[in-house]
Every structure is written in structure tokens, then in C-alpha cells.
C-alpha atoms as a PDB file:
ATOM      1  CA  MET A   1     120.778 112.312  20.717  1.00  0.00           C
ATOM      2  CA  ARG A   2     123.896 110.902  22.299  1.00  0.00           C
ATOM      3  CA  ALA A   3     124.415 111.432  26.020  1.00  0.00           C
ATOM      4  CA  LEU A   4     127.473 110.924  28.199  1.00  0.00           C
ATOM      5  CA  ILE A   5     126.921 110.283  31.914  1.00  0.00           C
ATOM      6  CA  THR A   6     129.997 110.365  34.117  1.00  0.00           C
ATOM      7  CA  GLY A   7     129.604 108.380  37.304  1.00  0.00           C
ATOM      8  CA  ALA A   8     126.937 106.188  35.717  1.00  0.00           C
ATOM      9  CA  GLY A   9     127.650 103.407  38.201  1.00  0.00           C
ATOM     10  CA  GLY A  10     126.878 105.612  41.197  1.00  0.00           C
ATOM     11  CA  PHE A  11     123.655 106.107  43.106  1.00  0.00           C
ATOM     12  CA  VAL A  12     122.322 109.032  41.059  1.00  0.00           C
ATOM     13  CA  GLY A  13     123.954 107.894  37.825  1.00  0.00           C
ATOM     14  CA  ASP A  14     122.157 104.562  37.902  1.00  0.00           C
ATOM     15  CA  HIS A  15     118.804 106.292  38.414  1.00  0.00           C
ATOM     16  CA  LEU A  16     119.568 108.770  35.615  1.00  0.00           C
ATOM     17  CA  CYS A  17     120.410 105.954  33.204  1.00  0.00           C
ATOM     18  CA  SER A  18     117.102 104.271  34.056  1.00  0.00           C
ATOM     19  CA  TYR A  19     115.174 107.516  33.562  1.00  0.00           C
ATOM     20  CA  LEU A  20     116.721 108.336  30.180  1.00  0.00           C
ATOM     21  CA  LEU A  21     116.241 104.795  28.902  1.00  0.00           C
ATOM     22  CA  ALA A  22     112.579 104.862  29.930  1.00  0.00           C
ATOM     23  CA  HIS A  23     111.710 108.373  28.743  1.00  0.00           C
ATOM     24  CA  THR A  24     113.947 109.127  25.756  1.00  0.00           C
ATOM     25  CA  ASP A  25     115.342 107.391  22.685  1.00  0.00           C
ATOM     26  CA  TRP A  26     118.879 108.618  23.431  1.00  0.00           C
ATOM     27  CA  ALA A  27     121.988 106.492  23.117  1.00  0.00           C
ATOM     28  CA  ILE A  28     123.906 106.629  26.397  1.00  0.00           C
ATOM     29  CA  LEU A  29     127.569 106.141  27.235  1.00  0.00           C
ATOM     30  CA  GLY A  30     128.122 105.854  30.973  1.00  0.00           C
ATOM     31  CA  THR A  31     131.550 106.045  32.565  1.00  0.00           C
ATOM     32  CA  VAL A  32     132.328 104.018  35.679  1.00  0.00           C
ATOM     33  CA  TYR A  33     135.450 103.854  37.841  1.00  0.00           C
ATOM     34  CA  PRO A  34     136.706 101.672  39.363  1.00  0.00           C
ATOM     35  CA  ASN A  35     133.424  99.719  39.225  1.00  0.00           C
ATOM     36  CA  PRO A  36     132.955  96.761  36.841  1.00  0.00           C
ATOM     37  CA  VAL A  37     131.603  97.703  33.430  1.00  0.00           C
ATOM     38  CA  ASP A  38     128.766  95.176  33.435  1.00  0.00           C
ATOM     39  CA  ALA A  39     125.451  97.038  33.343  1.00  0.00           C
ATOM     40  CA  PRO A  40     123.145  96.072  36.217  1.00  0.00           C
ATOM     41  CA  HIS A  41     120.201  96.500  33.836  1.00  0.00           C
ATOM     42  CA  PRO A  42     121.506  95.692  30.296  1.00  0.00           C
ATOM     43  CA  HIS A  43     119.949  97.702  27.488  1.00  0.00           C
ATOM     44  CA  PRO A  44     120.928  98.032  23.815  1.00  0.00           C
ATOM     45  CA  ARG A  45     121.086 101.853  24.084  1.00  0.00           C
ATOM     46  CA  LEU A  46     123.300 101.842  27.191  1.00  0.00           C
ATOM     47  CA  HIS A  47     127.053 101.366  26.919  1.00  0.00           C
ATOM     48  CA  LEU A  48     129.368 101.449  29.933  1.00  0.00           C
ATOM     49  CA  SER A  49     133.059 102.225  29.851  1.00  0.00           C
ATOM     50  CA  SER A  50     135.641 102.146  32.626  1.00  0.00           C
ATOM     51  CA  LEU A  51     137.256 105.584  32.679  1.00  0.00           C
ATOM     52  CA  ASP A  52     139.429 107.403  35.203  1.00  0.00           C
ATOM     53  CA  LEU A  53     138.315 111.006  34.703  1.00  0.00           C
ATOM     54  CA  ARG A  54     141.577 112.251  36.209  1.00  0.00           C
ATOM     55  CA  ASN A  55     143.347 110.947  33.086  1.00  0.00           C
ATOM     56  CA  ARG A  56     143.062 113.810  30.605  1.00  0.00           C
ATOM     57  CA  THR A  57     144.195 111.787  27.588  1.00  0.00           C
ATOM     58  CA  GLU A  58     141.649 109.060  28.155  1.00  0.00           C
ATOM     59  CA  VAL A  59     138.860 111.576  28.762  1.00  0.00           C
ATOM     60  CA  GLU A  60     139.631 113.353  25.480  1.00  0.00           C
ATOM     61  CA  ARG A  61     139.762 110.068  23.587  1.00  0.00           C
ATOM     62  CA  THR A  62     136.418 108.916  24.998  1.00  0.00           C
ATOM     63  CA  LEU A  63     134.612 112.171  24.223  1.00  0.00           C
ATOM     64  CA  VAL A  64     136.050 112.412  20.710  1.00  0.00           C
ATOM     65  CA  GLU A  65     134.921 108.859  19.955  1.00  0.00           C
ATOM     66  CA  TRP A  66     131.426 109.307  21.423  1.00  0.00           C
ATOM     67  CA  GLN A  67     130.749 112.907  20.280  1.00  0.00           C
ATOM     68  CA  PRO A  68     127.968 113.468  22.851  1.00  0.00           C
ATOM     69  CA  ASP A  69     125.212 116.023  22.382  1.00  0.00           C
ATOM     70  CA  ALA A  70     124.708 116.188  26.156  1.00  0.00           C
ATOM     71  CA  ILE A  71     127.065 115.563  29.062  1.00  0.00           C
ATOM     72  CA  PHE A  72     125.758 114.856  32.555  1.00  0.00           C
ATOM     73  CA  HIS A  73     128.793 115.259  34.801  1.00  0.00           C
ATOM     74  CA  LEU A  74     127.835 113.417  37.982  1.00  0.00           C
ATOM     75  CA  ALA A  75     131.072 111.709  38.977  1.00  0.00           C
ATOM     76  CA  ALA A  76     132.522 113.038  42.233  1.00  0.00           C
ATOM     77  CA  LEU A  77     133.576 112.051  45.715  1.00  0.00           C
ATOM     78  CA  SER A  78     130.480 113.129  47.638  1.00  0.00           C
ATOM     79  CA  SER A  79     130.914 112.224  51.307  1.00  0.00           C
ATOM     80  CA  VAL A  80     131.246 115.200  53.649  1.00  0.00           C
ATOM     81  CA  PRO A  81     132.726 113.138  56.539  1.00  0.00           C
ATOM     82  CA  ALA A  82     135.244 111.536  54.169  1.00  0.00           C
ATOM     83  CA  SER A  83     136.242 114.980  52.873  1.00  0.00           C
ATOM     84  CA  PHE A  84     137.265 116.006  56.383  1.00  0.00           C
ATOM     85  CA  LYS A  85     139.421 112.886  56.697  1.00  0.00           C
ATOM     86  CA  ALA A  86     141.025 113.239  53.243  1.00  0.00           C
ATOM     87  CA  PRO A  87     140.462 116.828  52.049  1.00  0.00           C
ATOM     88  CA  TRP A  88     142.998 116.843  49.238  1.00  0.00           C
ATOM     89  CA  GLU A  89     141.677 113.575  47.796  1.00  0.00           C
ATOM     90  CA  THR A  90     138.205 115.129  47.515  1.00  0.00           C
ATOM     91  CA  LEU A  91     139.446 118.431  46.103  1.00  0.00           C
ATOM     92  CA  GLU A  92     141.886 116.906  43.632  1.00  0.00           C
ATOM     93  CA  ASN A  93     139.471 114.270  42.387  1.00  0.00           C
ATOM     94  CA  ASN A  94     136.441 116.520  41.917  1.00  0.00           C
ATOM     95  CA  ILE A  95     138.223 119.500  40.384  1.00  0.00           C
ATOM     96  CA  ARG A  96     140.606 117.634  38.088  1.00  0.00           C
ATOM     97  CA  ALA A  97     137.920 115.298  36.768  1.00  0.00           C
ATOM     98  CA  GLN A  98     135.629 118.168  35.809  1.00  0.00           C
ATOM     99  CA  LEU A  99     138.449 120.208  34.325  1.00  0.00           C
ATOM    100  CA  ASN A 100     139.340 117.296  32.045  1.00  0.00           C
ATOM    101  CA  VAL A 101     135.703 116.902  30.954  1.00  0.00           C
ATOM    102  CA  LEU A 102     135.345 120.617  30.170  1.00  0.00           C
ATOM    103  CA  GLU A 103     138.668 120.785  28.339  1.00  0.00           C
ATOM    104  CA  ALA A 104     137.637 117.853  26.149  1.00  0.00           C
ATOM    105  CA  ALA A 105     134.094 119.181  25.651  1.00  0.00           C
ATOM    106  CA  ARG A 106     135.220 122.573  24.338  1.00  0.00           C
ATOM    107  CA  ARG A 107     137.084 120.888  21.487  1.00  0.00           C
ATOM    108  CA  LEU A 108     134.206 118.689  20.316  1.00  0.00           C
ATOM    109  CA  SER A 109     132.469 119.310  17.002  1.00  0.00           C
ATOM    110  CA  SER A 110     129.186 118.135  18.556  1.00  0.00           C
ATOM    111  CA  CYS A 111     129.084 121.270  20.808  1.00  0.00           C
ATOM    112  CA  PRO A 112     127.498 119.419  23.726  1.00  0.00           C
ATOM    113  CA  ARG A 113     125.354 120.936  26.438  1.00  0.00           C
ATOM    114  CA  VAL A 114     127.027 120.208  29.788  1.00  0.00           C
ATOM    115  CA  LEU A 115     125.301 119.723  33.147  1.00  0.00           C
ATOM    116  CA  ILE A 116     127.429 120.575  36.192  1.00  0.00           C
ATOM    117  CA  VAL A 117     126.123 119.242  39.502  1.00  0.00           C
ATOM    118  CA  GLY A 118     127.001 121.325  42.525  1.00  0.00           C
ATOM    119  CA  SER A 119     125.469 121.043  45.997  1.00  0.00           C
ATOM    120  CA  ASN A 120     123.541 122.963  48.611  1.00  0.00           C
ATOM    121  CA  GLU A 121     126.673 122.446  50.749  1.00  0.00           C
ATOM    122  CA  GLU A 122     128.122 125.390  48.811  1.00  0.00           C
ATOM    123  CA  TYR A 123     125.871 127.699  50.857  1.00  0.00           C
ATOM    124  CA  GLY A 124     127.142 126.462  54.206  1.00  0.00           C
ATOM    125  CA  LYS A 125     125.314 127.695  57.292  1.00  0.00           C
ATOM    126  CA  PRO A 126     122.652 130.217  56.228  1.00  0.00           C
ATOM    127  CA  HIS A 127     121.538 133.082  58.430  1.00  0.00           C
ATOM    128  CA  PRO A 128     117.946 132.764  59.698  1.00  0.00           C
ATOM    129  CA  ASP A 129     116.820 135.632  57.459  1.00  0.00           C
ATOM    130  CA  GLU A 130     118.297 133.850  54.408  1.00  0.00           C
ATOM    131  CA  LEU A 131     115.829 130.952  54.475  1.00  0.00           C
ATOM    132  CA  PRO A 132     114.730 129.553  52.162  1.00  0.00           C
ATOM    133  CA  ILE A 133     118.068 129.565  50.370  1.00  0.00           C
ATOM    134  CA  THR A 134     117.967 131.005  46.854  1.00  0.00           C
ATOM    135  CA  GLU A 135     120.606 131.186  44.146  1.00  0.00           C
ATOM    136  CA  GLU A 136     121.457 134.690  45.418  1.00  0.00           C
ATOM    137  CA  THR A 137     122.349 133.487  48.930  1.00  0.00           C
ATOM    138  CA  PRO A 138     126.088 133.963  49.627  1.00  0.00           C
ATOM    139  CA  LEU A 139     128.298 130.884  49.347  1.00  0.00           C
ATOM    140  CA  ARG A 140     129.967 129.988  52.653  1.00  0.00           C
ATOM    141  CA  PRO A 141     131.401 126.472  52.224  1.00  0.00           C
ATOM    142  CA  GLN A 142     132.214 124.826  55.556  1.00  0.00           C
ATOM    143  CA  ASN A 143     133.809 121.538  54.531  1.00  0.00           C
ATOM    144  CA  PRO A 144     136.279 120.370  51.871  1.00  0.00           C
ATOM    145  CA  TYR A 145     133.545 118.695  49.819  1.00  0.00           C
ATOM    146  CA  ALA A 146     131.640 121.989  49.678  1.00  0.00           C
ATOM    147  CA  VAL A 147     134.783 123.819  48.562  1.00  0.00           C
ATOM    148  CA  SER A 148     135.259 121.281  45.756  1.00  0.00           C
ATOM    149  CA  LYS A 149     131.673 121.883  44.645  1.00  0.00           C
ATOM    150  CA  VAL A 150     132.131 125.671  44.615  1.00  0.00           C
ATOM    151  CA  ALA A 151     135.165 125.101  42.400  1.00  0.00           C
ATOM    152  CA  GLN A 152     133.188 122.825  40.058  1.00  0.00           C
ATOM    153  CA  ASP A 153     130.327 125.317  39.963  1.00  0.00           C
ATOM    154  CA  PHE A 154     132.530 128.236  38.967  1.00  0.00           C
ATOM    155  CA  LEU A 155     134.683 126.207  36.587  1.00  0.00           C
ATOM    156  CA  GLY A 156     131.474 125.479  34.712  1.00  0.00           C
ATOM    157  CA  LEU A 157     130.597 129.176  34.645  1.00  0.00           C
ATOM    158  CA  GLN A 158     134.097 130.136  33.524  1.00  0.00           C
ATOM    159  CA  TYR A 159     134.026 127.701  30.590  1.00  0.00           C
ATOM    160  CA  HIS A 160     130.644 129.066  29.543  1.00  0.00           C
ATOM    161  CA  LEU A 161     131.848 132.669  29.675  1.00  0.00           C
ATOM    162  CA  THR A 162     135.242 131.988  28.099  1.00  0.00           C
ATOM    163  CA  TYR A 163     134.463 129.361  25.471  1.00  0.00           C
ATOM    164  CA  GLY A 164     130.697 129.606  25.019  1.00  0.00           C
ATOM    165  CA  ILE A 165     130.041 126.041  26.157  1.00  0.00           C
ATOM    166  CA  GLU A 166     126.356 125.576  26.956  1.00  0.00           C
ATOM    167  CA  VAL A 167     126.884 124.830  30.637  1.00  0.00           C
ATOM    168  CA  VAL A 168     123.904 124.561  32.981  1.00  0.00           C
ATOM    169  CA  ARG A 169     124.684 124.440  36.714  1.00  0.00           C
ATOM    170  CA  LEU A 170     122.549 122.871  39.435  1.00  0.00           C
ATOM    171  CA  ARG A 171     122.768 123.023  43.222  1.00  0.00           C
ATOM    172  CA  PRO A 172     120.665 120.092  44.426  1.00  0.00           C
ATOM    173  CA  PHE A 173     119.761 119.851  48.093  1.00  0.00           C
ATOM    174  CA  ASN A 174     119.710 116.509  49.932  1.00  0.00           C
ATOM    175  CA  HIS A 175     118.269 113.617  47.973  1.00  0.00           C
ATOM    176  CA  THR A 176     117.841 109.974  48.821  1.00  0.00           C
ATOM    177  CA  GLY A 177     116.186 106.843  47.519  1.00  0.00           C
ATOM    178  CA  PRO A 178     116.751 103.161  46.804  1.00  0.00           C
ATOM    179  CA  GLY A 179     120.367 102.273  46.073  1.00  0.00           C
ATOM    180  CA  GLN A 180     122.051 104.966  48.172  1.00  0.00           C
ATOM    181  CA  SER A 181     125.107 104.125  50.270  1.00  0.00           C
ATOM    182  CA  ASP A 182     124.731 103.902  54.026  1.00  0.00           C
ATOM    183  CA  GLN A 183     127.329 106.680  54.324  1.00  0.00           C
ATOM    184  CA  PHE A 184     124.281 108.977  54.046  1.00  0.00           C
ATOM    185  CA  VAL A 185     121.761 109.584  56.782  1.00  0.00           C
ATOM    186  CA  VAL A 186     118.518 107.988  55.552  1.00  0.00           C
ATOM    187  CA  PRO A 187     120.091 104.717  54.347  1.00  0.00           C
ATOM    188  CA  ALA A 188     122.360 104.740  57.423  1.00  0.00           C
ATOM    189  CA  PHE A 189     119.233 104.415  59.552  1.00  0.00           C
ATOM    190  CA  ALA A 190     117.470 102.056  57.143  1.00  0.00           C
ATOM    191  CA  SER A 191     120.441  99.679  56.832  1.00  0.00           C
ATOM    192  CA  GLN A 192     120.671  99.321  60.613  1.00  0.00           C
ATOM    193  CA  ILE A 193     116.941  98.646  60.924  1.00  0.00           C
ATOM    194  CA  ALA A 194     117.131  95.996  58.190  1.00  0.00           C
ATOM    195  CA  ARG A 195     120.069  94.275  59.895  1.00  0.00           C
ATOM    196  CA  ILE A 196     118.240  94.349  63.232  1.00  0.00           C
ATOM    197  CA  GLU A 197     115.138  92.795  61.646  1.00  0.00           C
ATOM    198  CA  ARG A 198     117.315  89.982  60.261  1.00  0.00           C
ATOM    199  CA  GLY A 199     118.930  89.404  63.652  1.00  0.00           C
ATOM    200  CA  GLU A 200     122.369  90.558  62.467  1.00  0.00           C
ATOM    201  CA  GLN A 201     122.609  93.493  64.887  1.00  0.00           C
ATOM    202  CA  LEU A 202     121.486  94.215  68.432  1.00  0.00           C
ATOM    203  CA  PRO A 203     118.180  96.199  68.474  1.00  0.00           C
ATOM    204  CA  ILE A 204     119.949  99.528  68.795  1.00  0.00           C
ATOM    205  CA  VAL A 205     120.221 102.166  66.047  1.00  0.00           C
ATOM    206  CA  ARG A 206     123.320 104.339  66.446  1.00  0.00           C
ATOM    207  CA  VAL A 207     122.867 107.923  65.319  1.00  0.00           C
ATOM    208  CA  GLY A 208     124.642 111.265  65.147  1.00  0.00           C
ATOM    209  CA  ASN A 209     123.108 114.700  65.550  1.00  0.00           C
ATOM    210  CA  LEU A 210     119.318 114.430  65.329  1.00  0.00           C
ATOM    211  CA  ASN A 211     118.726 118.124  66.023  1.00  0.00           C
ATOM    212  CA  VAL A 212     119.246 119.336  62.469  1.00  0.00           C
ATOM    213  CA  ALA A 213     116.792 119.741  59.593  1.00  0.00           C
ATOM    214  CA  ARG A 214     117.427 119.236  55.901  1.00  0.00           C
ATOM    215  CA  ASP A 215     115.565 119.595  52.615  1.00  0.00           C
ATOM    216  CA  PHE A 216     115.114 116.095  51.138  1.00  0.00           C
ATOM    217  CA  SER A 217     113.937 115.108  47.672  1.00  0.00           C
ATOM    218  CA  ASP A 218     113.573 111.703  46.082  1.00  0.00           C
ATOM    219  CA  VAL A 219     116.429 110.826  43.721  1.00  0.00           C
ATOM    220  CA  ARG A 220     113.880 109.846  41.067  1.00  0.00           C
ATOM    221  CA  ASP A 221     112.533 113.393  41.088  1.00  0.00           C
ATOM    222  CA  ILE A 222     116.100 114.736  40.986  1.00  0.00           C
ATOM    223  CA  VAL A 223     117.148 112.826  37.861  1.00  0.00           C
ATOM    224  CA  ARG A 224     114.016 114.011  36.090  1.00  0.00           C
ATOM    225  CA  ALA A 225     115.174 117.529  36.956  1.00  0.00           C
ATOM    226  CA  TYR A 226     118.618 116.766  35.508  1.00  0.00           C
ATOM    227  CA  TYR A 227     116.992 115.835  32.202  1.00  0.00           C
ATOM    228  CA  LEU A 228     114.923 119.037  32.230  1.00  0.00           C
ATOM    229  CA  ALA A 229     118.015 121.097  33.060  1.00  0.00           C
ATOM    230  CA  VAL A 230     119.850 119.759  30.020  1.00  0.00           C
ATOM    231  CA  THR A 231     116.888 120.125  27.663  1.00  0.00           C
ATOM    232  CA  GLN A 232     115.344 123.362  28.989  1.00  0.00           C
ATOM    233  CA  GLY A 233     117.845 125.111  31.276  1.00  0.00           C
ATOM    234  CA  GLU A 234     119.395 128.451  30.318  1.00  0.00           C
ATOM    235  CA  PRO A 235     123.129 128.080  29.564  1.00  0.00           C
ATOM    236  CA  GLY A 236     125.252 129.955  32.072  1.00  0.00           C
ATOM    237  CA  GLU A 237     122.545 129.938  34.744  1.00  0.00           C
ATOM    238  CA  VAL A 238     122.557 128.193  38.104  1.00  0.00           C
ATOM    239  CA  TYR A 239     119.473 126.585  39.656  1.00  0.00           C
ATOM    240  CA  ASN A 240     118.628 125.198  43.077  1.00  0.00           C
ATOM    241  CA  LEU A 241     116.855 121.834  43.227  1.00  0.00           C
ATOM    242  CA  SER A 242     114.898 121.363  46.432  1.00  0.00           C
ATOM    243  CA  ALA A 243     111.598 120.237  47.870  1.00  0.00           C
ATOM    244  CA  GLY A 244     111.411 123.519  49.805  1.00  0.00           C
ATOM    245  CA  GLN A 245     110.578 121.882  53.136  1.00  0.00           C
ATOM    246  CA  PRO A 246     112.937 121.219  56.074  1.00  0.00           C
ATOM    247  CA  ARG A 247     112.638 117.788  57.690  1.00  0.00           C
ATOM    248  CA  SER A 248     114.312 117.085  61.013  1.00  0.00           C
ATOM    249  CA  ILE A 249     116.612 114.085  61.138  1.00  0.00           C
ATOM    250  CA  LYS A 250     114.771 112.959  64.258  1.00  0.00           C
ATOM    251  CA  ASP A 251     111.441 112.937  62.398  1.00  0.00           C
ATOM    252  CA  ILE A 252     112.988 110.882  59.595  1.00  0.00           C
ATOM    253  CA  LEU A 253     114.372 108.380  62.104  1.00  0.00           C
ATOM    254  CA  ASP A 254     111.019 108.154  63.875  1.00  0.00           C
ATOM    255  CA  ALA A 255     109.244 107.528  60.568  1.00  0.00           C
ATOM    256  CA  LEU A 256     111.631 104.706  59.695  1.00  0.00           C
ATOM    257  CA  LEU A 257     111.341 103.182  63.163  1.00  0.00           C
ATOM    258  CA  SER A 258     107.555 103.215  62.814  1.00  0.00           C
ATOM    259  CA  LEU A 259     107.947 100.950  59.766  1.00  0.00           C
ATOM    260  CA  SER A 260     110.118  98.432  61.611  1.00  0.00           C
ATOM    261  CA  THR A 261     108.787  95.003  62.518  1.00  0.00           C
ATOM    262  CA  VAL A 262     110.713  94.959  65.834  1.00  0.00           C
ATOM    263  CA  LYS A 263     111.198  97.280  68.795  1.00  0.00           C
ATOM    264  CA  ILE A 264     114.406  99.298  68.475  1.00  0.00           C
ATOM    265  CA  GLU A 265     116.261 101.633  70.817  1.00  0.00           C
ATOM    266  CA  VAL A 266     118.251 104.714  69.757  1.00  0.00           C
ATOM    267  CA  GLU A 267     121.809 105.405  70.912  1.00  0.00           C
ATOM    268  CA  ILE A 268     123.848 108.562  70.245  1.00  0.00           C
ATOM    269  CA  ASP A 269     127.246 107.868  68.657  1.00  0.00           C
ATOM    270  CA  PRO A 270     129.650 110.852  69.001  1.00  0.00           C
ATOM    271  CA  ASP A 271     131.738 109.497  66.101  1.00  0.00           C
ATOM    272  CA  ARG A 272     128.830 110.229  63.764  1.00  0.00           C
ATOM    273  CA  TYR A 273     128.895 113.975  64.470  1.00  0.00           C
ATOM    274  CA  ARG A 274     130.458 116.313  61.908  1.00  0.00           C
ATOM    275  CA  PRO A 275     133.102 118.882  62.894  1.00  0.00           C
ATOM    276  CA  SER A 276     130.823 121.573  61.443  1.00  0.00           C
ATOM    277  CA  ASP A 277     127.087 121.189  61.034  1.00  0.00           C
ATOM    278  CA  THR A 278     124.252 123.457  59.913  1.00  0.00           C
ATOM    279  CA  PRO A 279     121.162 123.483  62.172  1.00  0.00           C
ATOM    280  CA  VAL A 280     118.545 124.138  59.473  1.00  0.00           C
ATOM    281  CA  ALA A 281     118.874 124.359  55.702  1.00  0.00           C
ATOM    282  CA  TYR A 282     116.194 124.344  53.055  1.00  0.00           C
ATOM    283  CA  GLY A 283     115.985 125.899  49.650  1.00  0.00           C
ATOM    284  CA  SER A 284     113.781 127.493  47.060  1.00  0.00           C
ATOM    285  CA  SER A 285     113.745 125.996  43.573  1.00  0.00           C
ATOM    286  CA  ALA A 286     111.333 128.651  42.285  1.00  0.00           C
ATOM    287  CA  LYS A 287     113.767 129.728  39.564  1.00  0.00           C
ATOM    288  CA  PHE A 288     114.097 126.204  38.166  1.00  0.00           C
ATOM    289  CA  ARG A 289     110.374 125.490  38.476  1.00  0.00           C
ATOM    290  CA  ALA A 290     109.537 128.671  36.579  1.00  0.00           C
ATOM    291  CA  ARG A 291     111.980 127.729  33.818  1.00  0.00           C
ATOM    292  CA  THR A 292     111.052 124.057  33.398  1.00  0.00           C
ATOM    293  CA  GLY A 293     107.783 123.374  35.211  1.00  0.00           C
ATOM    294  CA  TRP A 294     109.506 120.770  37.400  1.00  0.00           C
ATOM    295  CA  GLU A 295     107.749 119.730  40.582  1.00  0.00           C
ATOM    296  CA  PRO A 296     108.605 116.890  42.994  1.00  0.00           C
ATOM    297  CA  GLN A 297     106.149 114.041  42.469  1.00  0.00           C
ATOM    298  CA  ILE A 298     107.146 111.332  44.959  1.00  0.00           C
ATOM    299  CA  PRO A 299     105.882 111.757  48.550  1.00  0.00           C
ATOM    300  CA  PHE A 300     108.613 111.562  51.164  1.00  0.00           C
ATOM    301  CA  ASP A 301     106.771 108.786  53.025  1.00  0.00           C
ATOM    302  CA  GLN A 302     107.095 106.668  49.892  1.00  0.00           C
ATOM    303  CA  THR A 303     110.778 107.560  49.621  1.00  0.00           C
ATOM    304  CA  ILE A 304     111.693 106.332  53.091  1.00  0.00           C
ATOM    305  CA  HIS A 305     109.505 103.244  52.663  1.00  0.00           C
ATOM    306  CA  ASP A 306     111.370 102.424  49.436  1.00  0.00           C
ATOM    307  CA  VAL A 307     114.774 103.018  51.050  1.00  0.00           C
ATOM    308  CA  LEU A 308     113.983 100.678  53.933  1.00  0.00           C
ATOM    309  CA  ASN A 309     112.648  97.971  51.606  1.00  0.00           C
ATOM    310  CA  ASP A 310     115.764  98.324  49.457  1.00  0.00           C
ATOM    311  CA  TRP A 311     117.940  97.510  52.476  1.00  0.00           C
ATOM    312  CA  ARG A 312     115.625  94.698  53.553  1.00  0.00           C
ATOM    313  CA  HIS A 313     116.165  92.995  50.196  1.00  0.00           C
ATOM    314  CA  ARG A 314     119.931  93.484  49.955  1.00  0.00           C
ATOM    315  CA  PRO A 315     122.153  90.483  50.661  1.00  0.00           C
ATOM    316  CA  PRO A 316     123.569  90.388  54.214  1.00  0.00           C
ATOM    317  CA  ASN A 317     126.701  92.486  54.905  1.00  0.00           C
ATOM    318  CA  ARG A 318     126.099  94.769  51.907  1.00  0.00           C
END
């Protein structure tokens, strides 16, 4: 098997590369942009290539040369706050990149199976009687990133229906773990705690809205689900990926603070609030679990412990 992973240098892409190298004998081509092409964990079955997915000619050339049997399309701009600041950049990047991948894939003789990664943000703010969120819940995107993910989701469906490409679509809920950027909530807290412990920051953690609850999984469970989706998912179908349990942001912060070696105060930062926020969101992955047998395996306490230790061991100012 030959796999192509777009966005292999990103948070999830790096974990997916590690999973496939450990659990399969597949040859892997990972695209990165604009990151360096040096693999952080060199392996003879892993090849990295710098590729701007917005360049249709280069995407076609890469796919024709590699002839993948499976494509994991992970590359995307994924920050909700950044999408409010630069909506067209998010929309243009995410839609054009996927369109180029699908256009190239439909012409390949290898007839690859394609994984399209959406987001629970597609559902927006669910009504109380719609919890847990299922694949039948109406889509009500409330930010530009979510709109880009709806477009990616339905582009994948359209290419399956029109051209017969074996597209499997996923809508993962929040996931975190070691290696995630501090643009996201759990590492945002953990990075501040680590800096405070090193004496690089006053003992104050600045936070946004703590009165929301989200459905968090460990990224290492999520990439295992990506592999199962490609190998066992039904082409044309869409699946939620979720732990099925809402966790309040305040509880997550309190858990991280309990692991700190110093006393820390909490300060609300209005700049960290989103223009539109959903009070509670959690999902059901019953459809995916029934299809593949997937179950989350990593306890959330271990996840946050690993995230904090990751930031403790990063070089200063990173």
C-alpha cells in the first residue's frame, strides 16, 4: 500500500505518520508547506515533499508520480479565531486545496480511497434536544472555518457521487494531545503553566470563556480512527468521531492547574473570547463505532498530563 498524507507536518499529520509507520507496512508520502521537508522522525518508509496544495499542476504531478492507494487529506487552516480575522484566506485555502486533490485523484489509475476530514464546527450551535449530535443533526456553521469545512465535506460527497471516487468523510470533534499549537485551548493553558513554572511568565493564566463544554478526544485515538475510516469506512458515508462526553473548559483548566508545581491565579482576557460561541457541544460516534469497532483508549487525564509535559520539555519561547 502507498499512502499520501497532506499536511503531514501538522499536529495530526505527524501523529498519523507515526501511527501508520508503527502499525502498517505502508509506504508514505507526506506533503508539507511551507514547513521544512526534514522528517522529525526519519524512517525509510516515510518520504516528505514540500507542496503547495493550491497549485493544481504540482498537485497533479505529485499524485501521478506517487500513485497512492489511500489519500488522507488533512491539510487545512484550522483556527476558528484566525478565520474570523481572515475569512477569505481560510475559505480559499481549504476549498481550493481539496478541489485540487480530488481533481487529481479522479484521474489516477490507482483509484485511491480518499479520507476527507471535516469538523464538528459544521454543526454550529445545536439545540438542547439535538444532543448528542449525530450525523443527521442539521449543519449550522457559525464561523468561516466551519463554512470551509462544510464545503470540503460536500465536495467530497459530490466527487463520490459524480466520479465514483471512494471518499469517506469524517467530522471529528475536539481533539488534543502532545504537539498541538497553543492556538488551541488545552495547549494554550498548558503552555502558560509551563512558562510560569520556568519563571518566564507571571503566575497568572489568561483565559477566555470558561463556561462552555466540549467533546475532547486524544489525537492518538483520532489518528487510529482515520486509519480505520480508510480501511473499513463505507465510501460516500459521513461519520462523527467523538468521545461522547462534554467536558467544561473550566474543569480542564482546573485539572491542569492541579498538576502545576506552583500556585497560579486565573485572569479573564476578553480578547480570547470568540464572536460566536456554542455553550455545549458533544457528539455520538455510534455510527462509526458500529462500522469499525473503534473506541477511544486513552483516558483524558493522561491526555492533559501528556500535553502539559510536552510544553514543559519544549525549548523556551516555542
